[in-house]
C-alpha atoms as a PDB file:
ATOM      1  CA  MET A   1       0.000   0.000   0.000  1.00  0.00           C
ATOM      2  CA  ALA A   2       1.357   3.394  -0.993  1.00  0.00           C
ATOM      3  CA  VAL A   3       2.067   6.093   1.593  1.00  0.00           C
ATOM      4  CA  HIS A   4       2.470   9.201  -0.577  1.00  0.00           C
ATOM      5  CA  HIS A   5       0.146   8.409  -3.502  1.00  0.00           C
ATOM      6  CA  GLY A   6      -3.611   7.884  -3.372  1.00  0.00           C
ATOM      7  CA  VAL A   7      -6.573   9.316  -1.513  1.00  0.00           C
ATOM      8  CA  TYR A   8      -6.171  10.149   2.158  1.00  0.00           C
ATOM      9  CA  LEU A   9      -8.434  10.982   5.079  1.00  0.00           C
ATOM     10  CA  ALA A  10      -7.045  11.069   8.607  1.00  0.00           C
ATOM     11  CA  PRO A  11      -8.737   8.368  10.702  1.00  0.00           C
ATOM     12  CA  GLN A  12     -11.348   9.593  13.168  1.00  0.00           C
ATOM     13  CA  GLY A  13      -9.954  10.470  16.565  1.00  0.00           C
ATOM     14  CA  THR A  14      -6.399  11.049  15.299  1.00  0.00           C
ATOM     15  CA  HIS A  15      -4.549  14.347  15.389  1.00  0.00           C
ATOM     16  CA  ASP A  16      -4.456  15.937  11.936  1.00  0.00           C
ATOM     17  CA  SER A  17      -0.805  16.978  11.862  1.00  0.00           C
ATOM     18  CA  SER A  18       0.051  20.452  10.593  1.00  0.00           C
ATOM     19  CA  THR A  19       2.383  18.814   8.073  1.00  0.00           C
ATOM     20  CA  ILE A  20      -0.600  17.311   6.244  1.00  0.00           C
ATOM     21  CA  ARG A  21      -1.688  19.699   3.490  1.00  0.00           C
ATOM     22  CA  PRO A  22      -4.408  20.247   2.449  1.00  0.00           C
ATOM     23  CA  LYS A  23      -6.603  19.298   5.378  1.00  0.00           C
ATOM     24  CA  GLY A  24      -9.495  16.854   5.160  1.00  0.00           C
ATOM     25  CA  MET A  25     -10.136  14.559   2.207  1.00  0.00           C
ATOM     26  CA  GLN A  26      -7.351  14.799  -0.320  1.00  0.00           C
ATOM     27  CA  PHE A  27      -5.476  13.140  -3.127  1.00  0.00           C
ATOM     28  CA  ARG A  28      -1.771  12.807  -2.402  1.00  0.00           C
ATOM     29  CA  TYR A  29       0.933  12.756  -5.069  1.00  0.00           C
ATOM     30  CA  GLY A  30       4.322  12.820  -3.405  1.00  0.00           C
ATOM     31  CA  ILE A  31       6.151  12.556  -6.738  1.00  0.00           C
ATOM     32  CA  LEU A  32       5.232  16.224  -7.259  1.00  0.00           C
ATOM     33  CA  ARG A  33       8.121  17.004  -4.892  1.00  0.00           C
ATOM     34  CA  VAL A  34      10.506  15.903  -7.645  1.00  0.00           C
ATOM     35  CA  PHE A  35       8.659  17.893 -10.335  1.00  0.00           C
ATOM     36  CA  GLU A  36       8.801  20.959  -8.072  1.00  0.00           C
ATOM     37  CA  GLY A  37      12.477  20.421  -7.320  1.00  0.00           C
ATOM     38  CA  LEU A  38      13.364  20.376 -11.010  1.00  0.00           C
ATOM     39  CA  ARG A  39      11.359  23.561 -11.582  1.00  0.00           C
ATOM     40  CA  SER A  40      12.752  25.566  -8.665  1.00  0.00           C
ATOM     41  CA  GLY A  41      16.138  23.945  -7.968  1.00  0.00           C
ATOM     42  CA  SER A  42      19.509  24.335  -9.637  1.00  0.00           C
ATOM     43  CA  PHE A  43      19.566  20.956 -11.374  1.00  0.00           C
ATOM     44  CA  LEU A  44      18.825  22.182 -14.910  1.00  0.00           C
ATOM     45  CA  ALA A  45      21.371  24.597 -16.371  1.00  0.00           C
ATOM     46  CA  SER A  46      19.602  25.498 -19.615  1.00  0.00           C
ATOM     47  CA  PRO A  47      16.809  28.127 -19.519  1.00  0.00           C
ATOM     48  CA  ASP A  48      14.910  25.984 -22.040  1.00  0.00           C
ATOM     49  CA  ASP A  49      15.184  22.947 -19.744  1.00  0.00           C
ATOM     50  CA  ARG A  50      13.981  24.955 -16.742  1.00  0.00           C
ATOM     51  CA  ARG A  51      11.050  26.297 -18.752  1.00  0.00           C
ATOM     52  CA  ARG A  52      10.245  22.761 -19.874  1.00  0.00           C
ATOM     53  CA  ALA A  53      10.331  21.593 -16.239  1.00  0.00           C
ATOM     54  CA  ALA A  54       7.866  24.345 -15.259  1.00  0.00           C
ATOM     55  CA  GLU A  55       5.550  23.415 -18.135  1.00  0.00           C
ATOM     56  CA  LEU A  56       5.771  19.746 -17.214  1.00  0.00           C
ATOM     57  CA  GLU A  57       4.927  20.368 -13.558  1.00  0.00           C
ATOM     58  CA  HIS A  58       1.945  22.530 -14.558  1.00  0.00           C
ATOM     59  CA  HIS A  59       0.674  19.857 -16.965  1.00  0.00           C
ATOM     60  CA  PHE A  60       1.140  17.063 -14.420  1.00  0.00           C
ATOM     61  CA  ARG A  61      -0.814  18.949 -11.729  1.00  0.00           C
ATOM     62  CA  ASN A  62      -3.709  19.630 -14.086  1.00  0.00           C
ATOM     63  CA  VAL A  63      -3.905  16.163 -15.609  1.00  0.00           C
ATOM     64  CA  CYS A  64      -3.892  14.543 -12.152  1.00  0.00           C
ATOM     65  CA  GLN A  65      -6.852  16.698 -11.162  1.00  0.00           C
ATOM     66  CA  ARG A  66      -8.702  15.866 -14.384  1.00  0.00           C
ATOM     67  CA  LEU A  67      -8.055  12.158 -13.866  1.00  0.00           C
ATOM     68  CA  LEU A  68      -9.421  12.330 -10.311  1.00  0.00           C
ATOM     69  CA  PHE A  69     -12.402  14.397 -11.444  1.00  0.00           C
ATOM     70  CA  SER A  70     -13.232  11.764 -14.068  1.00  0.00           C
ATOM     71  CA  LEU A  71     -12.932   8.930 -11.544  1.00  0.00           C
ATOM     72  CA  GLN A  72     -15.083  10.905  -9.107  1.00  0.00           C
ATOM     73  CA  ARG A  73     -17.687  11.547 -11.814  1.00  0.00           C
ATOM     74  CA  LEU A  74     -17.762   7.895 -12.883  1.00  0.00           C
ATOM     75  CA  ASP A  75     -18.276   6.824  -9.287  1.00  0.00           C
ATOM     76  CA  ALA A  76     -21.248   9.203  -8.957  1.00  0.00           C
ATOM     77  CA  LEU A  77     -22.773   8.002 -12.233  1.00  0.00           C
ATOM     78  CA  MET A  78     -22.472   4.354 -11.213  1.00  0.00           C
ATOM     79  CA  GLN A  79     -24.178   5.034  -7.898  1.00  0.00           C
ATOM     80  CA  GLN A  80     -26.908   6.911  -9.774  1.00  0.00           C
ATOM     81  CA  LEU A  81     -27.370   4.025 -12.193  1.00  0.00           C
ATOM     82  CA  THR A  82     -28.016   1.543  -9.411  1.00  0.00           C
ATOM     83  CA  THR A  83     -30.877   3.722  -8.124  1.00  0.00           C
ATOM     84  CA  LEU A  84     -32.415   4.397 -11.554  1.00  0.00           C
ATOM     85  CA  TYR A  85     -32.423   0.816 -12.844  1.00  0.00           C
ATOM     86  CA  VAL A  86     -35.655  -1.115 -12.282  1.00  0.00           C
ATOM     87  CA  PRO A  87     -35.402  -4.897 -12.890  1.00  0.00           C
ATOM     88  CA  GLY A  88     -37.834  -6.186 -15.486  1.00  0.00           C
ATOM     89  CA  GLN A  89     -38.565  -2.743 -16.923  1.00  0.00           C
ATOM     90  CA  ALA A  90     -37.167  -1.028 -19.989  1.00  0.00           C
ATOM     91  CA  PRO A  91     -34.792   1.811 -18.986  1.00  0.00           C
ATOM     92  CA  ASN A  92     -36.257   5.303 -19.139  1.00  0.00           C
ATOM     93  CA  LEU A  93     -34.527   8.204 -20.878  1.00  0.00           C
ATOM     94  CA  GLU A  94     -32.726   9.370 -17.737  1.00  0.00           C
ATOM     95  CA  THR A  95     -31.349   5.892 -17.098  1.00  0.00           C
ATOM     96  CA  MET A  96     -30.170   5.662 -20.714  1.00  0.00           C
ATOM     97  CA  ARG A  97     -28.490   9.074 -20.459  1.00  0.00           C
ATOM     98  CA  VAL A  98     -26.624   8.217 -17.254  1.00  0.00           C
ATOM     99  CA  HIS A  99     -25.620   4.822 -18.660  1.00  0.00           C
ATOM    100  CA  PHE A 100     -24.214   6.422 -21.828  1.00  0.00           C
ATOM    101  CA  GLU A 101     -22.345   9.123 -19.910  1.00  0.00           C
ATOM    102  CA  ALA A 102     -20.805   6.539 -17.562  1.00  0.00           C
ATOM    103  CA  GLU A 103     -19.491   4.446 -20.457  1.00  0.00           C
ATOM    104  CA  THR A 104     -18.126   7.574 -22.151  1.00  0.00           C
ATOM    105  CA  VAL A 105     -16.277   8.693 -19.018  1.00  0.00           C
ATOM    106  CA  ALA A 106     -14.897   5.176 -18.493  1.00  0.00           C
ATOM    107  CA  ASP A 107     -13.582   4.990 -22.059  1.00  0.00           C
ATOM    108  CA  HIS A 108     -11.366   8.052 -21.681  1.00  0.00           C
ATOM    109  CA  LEU A 109     -10.020   7.399 -18.178  1.00  0.00           C
ATOM    110  CA  MET A 110      -7.059   5.452 -19.519  1.00  0.00           C
ATOM    111  CA  SER A 111      -6.114   8.397 -21.760  1.00  0.00           C
ATOM    112  CA  TYR A 112      -5.768  10.683 -18.737  1.00  0.00           C
ATOM    113  CA  LEU A 113      -3.821   8.005 -16.891  1.00  0.00           C
ATOM    114  CA  ASN A 114      -1.534   7.630 -19.903  1.00  0.00           C
ATOM    115  CA  MET A 115      -0.818  11.400 -19.812  1.00  0.00           C
ATOM    116  CA  VAL A 116       0.139  11.114 -16.137  1.00  0.00           C
ATOM    117  CA  VAL A 117       2.488   8.201 -16.809  1.00  0.00           C
ATOM    118  CA  ASP A 118       4.121   9.926 -19.804  1.00  0.00           C
ATOM    119  CA  ASP A 119       4.715  13.103 -17.749  1.00  0.00           C
ATOM    120  CA  ILE A 120       6.466  10.953 -15.144  1.00  0.00           C
ATOM    121  CA  ALA A 121       8.686   9.431 -17.839  1.00  0.00           C
ATOM    122  CA  VAL A 122       9.810  12.846 -19.081  1.00  0.00           C
ATOM    123  CA  MET A 123      10.390  14.023 -15.497  1.00  0.00           C
ATOM    124  CA  ILE A 124      12.603  10.981 -14.866  1.00  0.00           C
ATOM    125  CA  THR A 125      14.808  11.902 -17.832  1.00  0.00           C
ATOM    126  CA  GLN A 126      15.211  15.421 -16.409  1.00  0.00           C
ATOM    127  CA  ALA A 127      15.903  14.238 -12.870  1.00  0.00           C
ATOM    128  CA  THR A 128      18.527  11.702 -13.951  1.00  0.00           C
ATOM    129  CA  GLY A 129      20.226  14.108 -16.361  1.00  0.00           C
ATOM    130  CA  TYR A 130      19.699  11.857 -19.366  1.00  0.00           C
ATOM    131  CA  LEU A 131      20.903  13.386 -22.643  1.00  0.00           C
ATOM    132  CA  PRO A 132      19.996  11.393 -25.783  1.00  0.00           C
ATOM    133  CA  SER A 133      22.930  10.701 -28.065  1.00  0.00           C
ATOM    134  CA  LYS A 134      20.643  11.036 -31.092  1.00  0.00           C
ATOM    135  CA  PRO A 135      17.026  12.124 -31.696  1.00  0.00           C
ATOM    136  CA  THR A 136      15.765   8.545 -31.930  1.00  0.00           C
ATOM    137  CA  ARG A 137      16.836   7.957 -28.327  1.00  0.00           C
ATOM    138  CA  ALA A 138      14.828  10.884 -26.945  1.00  0.00           C
ATOM    139  CA  VAL A 139      12.155  10.004 -24.378  1.00  0.00           C
ATOM    140  CA  ASP A 140       8.692  11.546 -24.601  1.00  0.00           C
ATOM    141  CA  SER A 141       6.637   8.624 -23.274  1.00  0.00           C
ATOM    142  CA  PHE A 142       6.858   5.857 -20.717  1.00  0.00           C
ATOM    143  CA  GLY A 143       6.895   3.246 -23.450  1.00  0.00           C
ATOM    144  CA  LYS A 144      10.135   4.730 -24.805  1.00  0.00           C
ATOM    145  CA  LEU A 145      11.633   5.009 -21.319  1.00  0.00           C
ATOM    146  CA  ARG A 146      11.148   1.252 -20.874  1.00  0.00           C
ATOM    147  CA  ARG A 147      13.195   0.329 -23.947  1.00  0.00           C
ATOM    148  CA  ALA A 148      15.867  -2.225 -23.080  1.00  0.00           C
ATOM    149  CA  GLU A 149      18.717  -0.275 -24.673  1.00  0.00           C
ATOM    150  CA  LEU A 150      17.925   2.826 -22.628  1.00  0.00           C
ATOM    151  CA  ARG A 151      18.114   0.932 -19.361  1.00  0.00           C
ATOM    152  CA  LEU A 152      21.817   0.422 -20.087  1.00  0.00           C
ATOM    153  CA  GLU A 153      22.404   4.190 -20.091  1.00  0.00           C
ATOM    154  CA  ALA A 154      24.425   5.334 -17.081  1.00  0.00           C
ATOM    155  CA  ALA A 155      21.894   8.067 -16.290  1.00  0.00           C
ATOM    156  CA  PHE A 156      19.134   5.532 -15.698  1.00  0.00           C
ATOM    157  CA  GLN A 157      21.032   3.238 -13.332  1.00  0.00           C
ATOM    158  CA  PRO A 158      19.403   4.739 -10.201  1.00  0.00           C
ATOM    159  CA  ILE A 159      15.981   3.603 -11.429  1.00  0.00           C
ATOM    160  CA  LYS A 160      16.878   0.572 -13.544  1.00  0.00           C
ATOM    161  CA  THR A 161      15.541  -1.867 -10.940  1.00  0.00           C
ATOM    162  CA  LEU A 162      12.244   0.035 -10.822  1.00  0.00           C
ATOM    163  CA  LEU A 163      11.969   0.006 -14.613  1.00  0.00           C
ATOM    164  CA  ASP A 164      12.695  -3.717 -14.625  1.00  0.00           C
ATOM    165  CA  ALA A 165       9.804  -4.215 -12.198  1.00  0.00           C
ATOM    166  CA  THR A 166       7.362  -3.020 -14.877  1.00  0.00           C
ATOM    167  CA  ASP A 167       8.284  -6.086 -16.976  1.00  0.00           C
ATOM    168  CA  VAL A 168       6.749  -8.483 -14.461  1.00  0.00           C
ATOM    169  CA  ALA A 169       3.464 -10.143 -15.416  1.00  0.00           C
ATOM    170  CA  GLY A 170       0.647  -8.520 -13.482  1.00  0.00           C
ATOM    171  CA  SER A 171       2.526  -5.260 -12.915  1.00  0.00           C
ATOM    172  CA  TRP A 172       0.654  -1.971 -13.266  1.00  0.00           C
ATOM    173  CA  TRP A 173       2.267  -1.494 -16.690  1.00  0.00           C
ATOM    174  CA  ASP A 174       1.360  -4.996 -17.829  1.00  0.00           C
ATOM    175  CA  LEU A 175      -2.285  -4.634 -16.764  1.00  0.00           C
ATOM    176  CA  GLY A 176      -2.790  -1.103 -18.016  1.00  0.00           C
ATOM    177  CA  PHE A 177      -0.434  -0.431 -20.904  1.00  0.00           C
ATOM    178  CA  ALA A 178       1.260  -3.545 -22.320  1.00  0.00           C
ATOM    179  CA  THR A 179       1.027  -3.720 -26.102  1.00  0.00           C
ATOM    180  CA  GLY A 180      -1.905  -5.826 -27.243  1.00  0.00           C
ATOM    181  CA  THR A 181      -3.186  -6.724 -23.766  1.00  0.00           C
ATOM    182  CA  GLY A 182      -3.144  -3.663 -21.494  1.00  0.00           C
ATOM    183  CA  ALA A 183      -6.458  -1.917 -20.853  1.00  0.00           C
ATOM    184  CA  ARG A 184      -5.343   1.344 -22.428  1.00  0.00           C
ATOM    185  CA  GLN A 185      -4.045  -0.471 -25.502  1.00  0.00           C
ATOM    186  CA  LEU A 186      -7.306  -2.363 -25.925  1.00  0.00           C
ATOM    187  CA  VAL A 187      -9.496   0.746 -25.665  1.00  0.00           C
ATOM    188  CA  ILE A 188      -7.333   3.181 -27.665  1.00  0.00           C
ATOM    189  CA  HIS A 189      -5.798   0.941 -30.309  1.00  0.00           C
ATOM    190  CA  ASN A 190      -7.774  -2.321 -30.483  1.00  0.00           C
ATOM    191  CA  GLN A 191     -11.342  -0.970 -30.797  1.00  0.00           C
ATOM    192  CA  HIS A 192     -12.543  -2.281 -27.425  1.00  0.00           C
ATOM    193  CA  LEU A 193     -15.204  -0.441 -25.413  1.00  0.00           C
ATOM    194  CA  ILE A 194     -16.148  -0.279 -21.754  1.00  0.00           C
ATOM    195  CA  ASP A 195     -19.593  -1.825 -21.295  1.00  0.00           C
ATOM    196  CA  PHE A 196     -21.739  -1.588 -18.153  1.00  0.00           C
ATOM    197  CA  GLN A 197     -24.165  -4.278 -17.084  1.00  0.00           C
ATOM    198  CA  LEU A 198     -26.720  -4.054 -14.254  1.00  0.00           C
ATOM    199  CA  SER A 199     -28.374  -6.949 -12.468  1.00  0.00           C
ATOM    200  CA  SER A 200     -29.905  -8.024  -9.177  1.00  0.00           C
ATOM    201  CA  VAL A 201     -31.025 -11.150  -7.424  1.00  0.00           C
ATOM    202  CA  PRO A 202     -34.680 -11.260  -6.259  1.00  0.00           C
ATOM    203  CA  GLY A 203     -35.006  -8.986  -3.256  1.00  0.00           C
ATOM    204  CA  GLY A 204     -31.347  -7.931  -3.432  1.00  0.00           C
ATOM    205  CA  PRO A 205     -29.730  -4.595  -4.298  1.00  0.00           C
ATOM    206  CA  ILE A 206     -28.978  -3.502  -7.846  1.00  0.00           C
ATOM    207  CA  GLU A 207     -25.357  -4.169  -8.773  1.00  0.00           C
ATOM    208  CA  ALA A 208     -23.399  -2.800 -11.723  1.00  0.00           C
ATOM    209  CA  ARG A 209     -20.301  -4.249 -13.281  1.00  0.00           C
ATOM    210  CA  ALA A 210     -18.098  -3.082 -16.112  1.00  0.00           C
ATOM    211  CA  ILE A 211     -16.289  -5.187 -18.676  1.00  0.00           C
ATOM    212  CA  ILE A 212     -13.903  -4.406 -21.516  1.00  0.00           C
ATOM    213  CA  LEU A 213     -15.897  -5.544 -24.531  1.00  0.00           C
ATOM    214  CA  SER A 214     -14.088  -7.034 -27.525  1.00  0.00           C
ATOM    215  CA  PRO A 215     -15.201  -5.885 -31.004  1.00  0.00           C
ATOM    216  CA  HIS A 216     -14.910  -9.488 -32.200  1.00  0.00           C
ATOM    217  CA  ALA A 217     -17.975 -11.522 -31.238  1.00  0.00           C
ATOM    218  CA  LEU A 218     -16.171 -14.840 -30.845  1.00  0.00           C
ATOM    219  CA  GLU A 219     -13.367 -13.514 -28.611  1.00  0.00           C
ATOM    220  CA  PRO A 220     -13.706 -13.771 -24.810  1.00  0.00           C
ATOM    221  CA  PHE A 221     -13.902 -10.615 -22.739  1.00  0.00           C
ATOM    222  CA  PRO A 222     -10.311  -9.582 -21.905  1.00  0.00           C
ATOM    223  CA  CYS A 223     -11.548  -8.043 -18.640  1.00  0.00           C
ATOM    224  CA  THR A 224     -14.721  -8.889 -16.718  1.00  0.00           C
ATOM    225  CA  ASP A 225     -14.057  -6.483 -13.817  1.00  0.00           C
ATOM    226  CA  TYR A 226     -13.029  -3.042 -15.068  1.00  0.00           C
ATOM    227  CA  PHE A 227     -13.180  -1.400 -11.633  1.00  0.00           C
ATOM    228  CA  GLY A 228     -11.089  -4.176 -10.114  1.00  0.00           C
ATOM    229  CA  LEU A 229      -8.582  -3.760 -12.924  1.00  0.00           C
ATOM    230  CA  LEU A 230      -8.377   0.005 -12.355  1.00  0.00           C
ATOM    231  CA  HIS A 231      -7.824  -0.570  -8.637  1.00  0.00           C
ATOM    232  CA  ARG A 232      -4.942  -2.965  -9.335  1.00  0.00           C
ATOM    233  CA  VAL A 233      -3.377  -0.654 -11.934  1.00  0.00           C
ATOM    234  CA  LEU A 234      -3.586   2.414  -9.689  1.00  0.00           C
ATOM    235  CA  GLY A 235      -2.493   0.513  -6.589  1.00  0.00           C
ATOM    236  CA  GLY A 236       0.555  -0.876  -8.380  1.00  0.00           C
ATOM    237  CA  LEU A 237       1.408   2.473  -9.970  1.00  0.00           C
ATOM    238  CA  PHE A 238       1.105   4.361  -6.680  1.00  0.00           C
ATOM    239  CA  ALA A 239       3.292   1.897  -4.764  1.00  0.00           C
ATOM    240  CA  TRP A 240       5.834   2.116  -7.605  1.00  0.00           C
ATOM    241  CA  LEU A 241       5.729   5.936  -7.456  1.00  0.00           C
ATOM    242  CA  ASP A 242       6.499   5.828  -3.734  1.00  0.00           C
ATOM    243  CA  ASP A 243       9.741   4.054  -4.646  1.00  0.00           C
ATOM    244  CA  VAL A 244      10.484   6.389  -7.567  1.00  0.00           C
ATOM    245  CA  GLU A 245       9.949   9.413  -5.327  1.00  0.00           C
ATOM    246  CA  ARG A 246      12.339   8.033  -2.716  1.00  0.00           C
ATOM    247  CA  VAL A 247      15.053   7.106  -5.232  1.00  0.00           C
ATOM    248  CA  LEU A 248      14.927  10.368  -7.172  1.00  0.00           C
ATOM    249  CA  ILE A 249      14.943  12.551  -4.052  1.00  0.00           C
ATOM    250  CA  LEU A 250      18.064  10.721  -2.850  1.00  0.00           C
ATOM    251  CA  HIS A 251      19.593  11.153  -6.301  1.00  0.00           C
ATOM    252  CA  LEU A 252      18.866  14.898  -6.455  1.00  0.00           C
ATOM    253  CA  LYS A 253      20.193  15.466  -2.935  1.00  0.00           C
ATOM    254  CA  ALA A 254      23.407  13.706  -3.971  1.00  0.00           C
ATOM    255  CA  VAL A 255      23.687  16.100  -6.914  1.00  0.00           C
ATOM    256  CA  ASP A 256      22.966  19.174  -4.762  1.00  0.00           C
ATOM    257  CA  SER A 257      23.259  18.624  -1.007  1.00  0.00           C
ATOM    258  CA  SER A 258      21.781  22.072  -0.315  1.00  0.00           C
ATOM    259  CA  TRP A 259      18.454  21.184  -1.957  1.00  0.00           C
ATOM    260  CA  GLN A 260      15.588  20.309   0.352  1.00  0.00           C
ATOM    261  CA  PRO A 261      12.326  18.853  -1.008  1.00  0.00           C
ATOM    262  CA  MET A 262       8.934  19.949   0.292  1.00  0.00           C
ATOM    263  CA  SER A 263       8.641  19.031   3.970  1.00  0.00           C
ATOM    264  CA  PHE A 264       5.057  17.834   3.459  1.00  0.00           C
ATOM    265  CA  CYS A 265       3.415  15.442   1.038  1.00  0.00           C
ATOM    266  CA  PRO A 266       1.709  17.543  -1.662  1.00  0.00           C
ATOM    267  CA  GLY A 267      -1.896  16.954  -2.630  1.00  0.00           C
ATOM    268  CA  PHE A 268      -5.167  18.603  -3.512  1.00  0.00           C
ATOM    269  CA  SER A 269      -8.511  18.687  -1.749  1.00  0.00           C
ATOM    270  CA  LEU A 270     -11.495  16.533  -2.604  1.00  0.00           C
ATOM    271  CA  PRO A 271     -14.028  16.681  -4.118  1.00  0.00           C
ATOM    272  CA  VAL A 272     -12.362  17.887  -7.318  1.00  0.00           C
ATOM    273  CA  GLY A 273     -14.273  20.782  -8.853  1.00  0.00           C
ATOM    274  CA  TYR A 274     -16.277  21.299  -5.626  1.00  0.00           C
ATOM    275  CA  PRO A 275     -19.650  20.082  -6.999  1.00  0.00           C
ATOM    276  CA  LEU A 276     -22.513  21.375  -4.895  1.00  0.00           C
ATOM    277  CA  GLY A 277     -24.224  18.885  -2.642  1.00  0.00           C
ATOM    278  CA  ILE A 278     -22.950  15.611  -1.240  1.00  0.00           C
ATOM    279  CA  THR A 279     -20.180  13.715  -3.021  1.00  0.00           C
ATOM    280  CA  ARG A 280     -19.933  10.095  -1.931  1.00  0.00           C
ATOM    281  CA  TYR A 281     -16.841   8.051  -2.683  1.00  0.00           C
ATOM    282  CA  SER A 282     -17.976   4.440  -2.812  1.00  0.00           C
ATOM    283  CA  LYS A 283     -15.870   1.377  -2.207  1.00  0.00           C
ATOM    284  CA  GLU A 284     -17.408  -0.400  -5.211  1.00  0.00           C
ATOM    285  CA  TYR A 285     -16.933   2.182  -7.977  1.00  0.00           C
ATOM    286  CA  PHE A 286     -14.164   4.562  -6.862  1.00  0.00           C
ATOM    287  CA  PRO A 287     -11.020   2.578  -7.706  1.00  0.00           C
ATOM    288  CA  VAL A 288      -8.396   4.944  -6.250  1.00  0.00           C
ATOM    289  CA  PRO A 289      -6.626   3.165  -3.371  1.00  0.00           C
ATOM    290  CA  ALA A 290      -6.417   4.878   0.002  1.00  0.00           C
ATOM    291  CA  CYS A 291      -2.944   5.678   1.326  1.00  0.00           C
ATOM    292  CA  ASP A 292      -1.470   3.669   4.160  1.00  0.00           C
ATOM    293  CA  GLY A 293      -2.832   5.040   7.433  1.00  0.00           C
ATOM    294  CA  SER A 294      -5.931   6.560   5.856  1.00  0.00           C
ATOM    295  CA  GLU A 295      -9.556   6.047   6.797  1.00  0.00           C
ATOM    296  CA  GLU A 296     -10.986   3.433   4.441  1.00  0.00           C
ATOM    297  CA  LEU A 297     -13.735   4.171   1.907  1.00  0.00           C
ATOM    298  CA  PRO A 298     -16.632   4.941   1.671  1.00  0.00           C
ATOM    299  CA  TRP A 299     -16.402   8.680   2.358  1.00  0.00           C
ATOM    300  CA  SER A 300     -18.926  11.493   1.990  1.00  0.00           C
ATOM    301  CA  ILE A 301     -18.397  15.240   1.877  1.00  0.00           C
ATOM    302  CA  GLU A 302     -20.833  18.091   1.341  1.00  0.00           C
ATOM    303  CA  VAL A 303     -20.145  21.317  -0.555  1.00  0.00           C
ATOM    304  CA  CYS A 304     -22.645  24.069   0.259  1.00  0.00           C
ATOM    305  CA  GLY A 305     -23.400  26.973  -2.036  1.00  0.00           C
ATOM    306  CA  PRO A 306     -23.573  30.636  -0.959  1.00  0.00           C
ATOM    307  CA  LYS A 307     -26.386  31.505   1.362  1.00  0.00           C
ATOM    308  CA  ALA A 308     -29.266  33.388  -0.215  1.00  0.00           C
END
């Protein structure tokens, strides 16, 4: 379980330390300490490289928030679907609208996650001081960073073991991004779609599940539990990022012993976008793992509008 990456809520009855920012429900992304260090520190000599680091940090912050907003929205839509669906009756227009929106949001989640992962790859090249010997060896995506020949570069030795870990079957990369089998590859490149199905047993609650649907009728479903898959991908990625954060901070401090990273774990408050009313984060449909030491899901928070 990750410590610095994931959603976090201090358990009830515990002291909310002043080093925890922001207060209350939040999404933590400790790796931002490395992005911030490259932007504000003395590690990059070229003005163009420093400007690129500032642009990269800005993009990473925004894409993380958009990813969390999409996950938050999908969770709300799934909860809404389970209340709208009536067994044995044809869905009404509102049910059809919510169903369609949920599938649309689910389809593009992996694109946002891919942006996050690619930003991390570019940041790693900046933090390690990697300079490509020719244009074809430049890194602008995580797929390129994982190339076997690049792992032999001296600059990447501090993180080689962590890159090797993404080769393991069942790793976050394998489940989410591996060519031909990863969820993102299937949806973006192999014409698969996310499909939601609702059902109930007599007298029981309505349950929704999501599958990755193959475009070829005779092929089996490559994934029969989309939310479970997302939870495993994000859980693996966040634990991996804890290690990357630790290794790169040690590396940067060895380069410049005067540099000090943020003293607190960076994050942003939930709910993203501050939607009015109650936002409920369910255990069934919100696949973002909670950080180690956090209160477990489900959570609820209310945003009130201005008083009349």
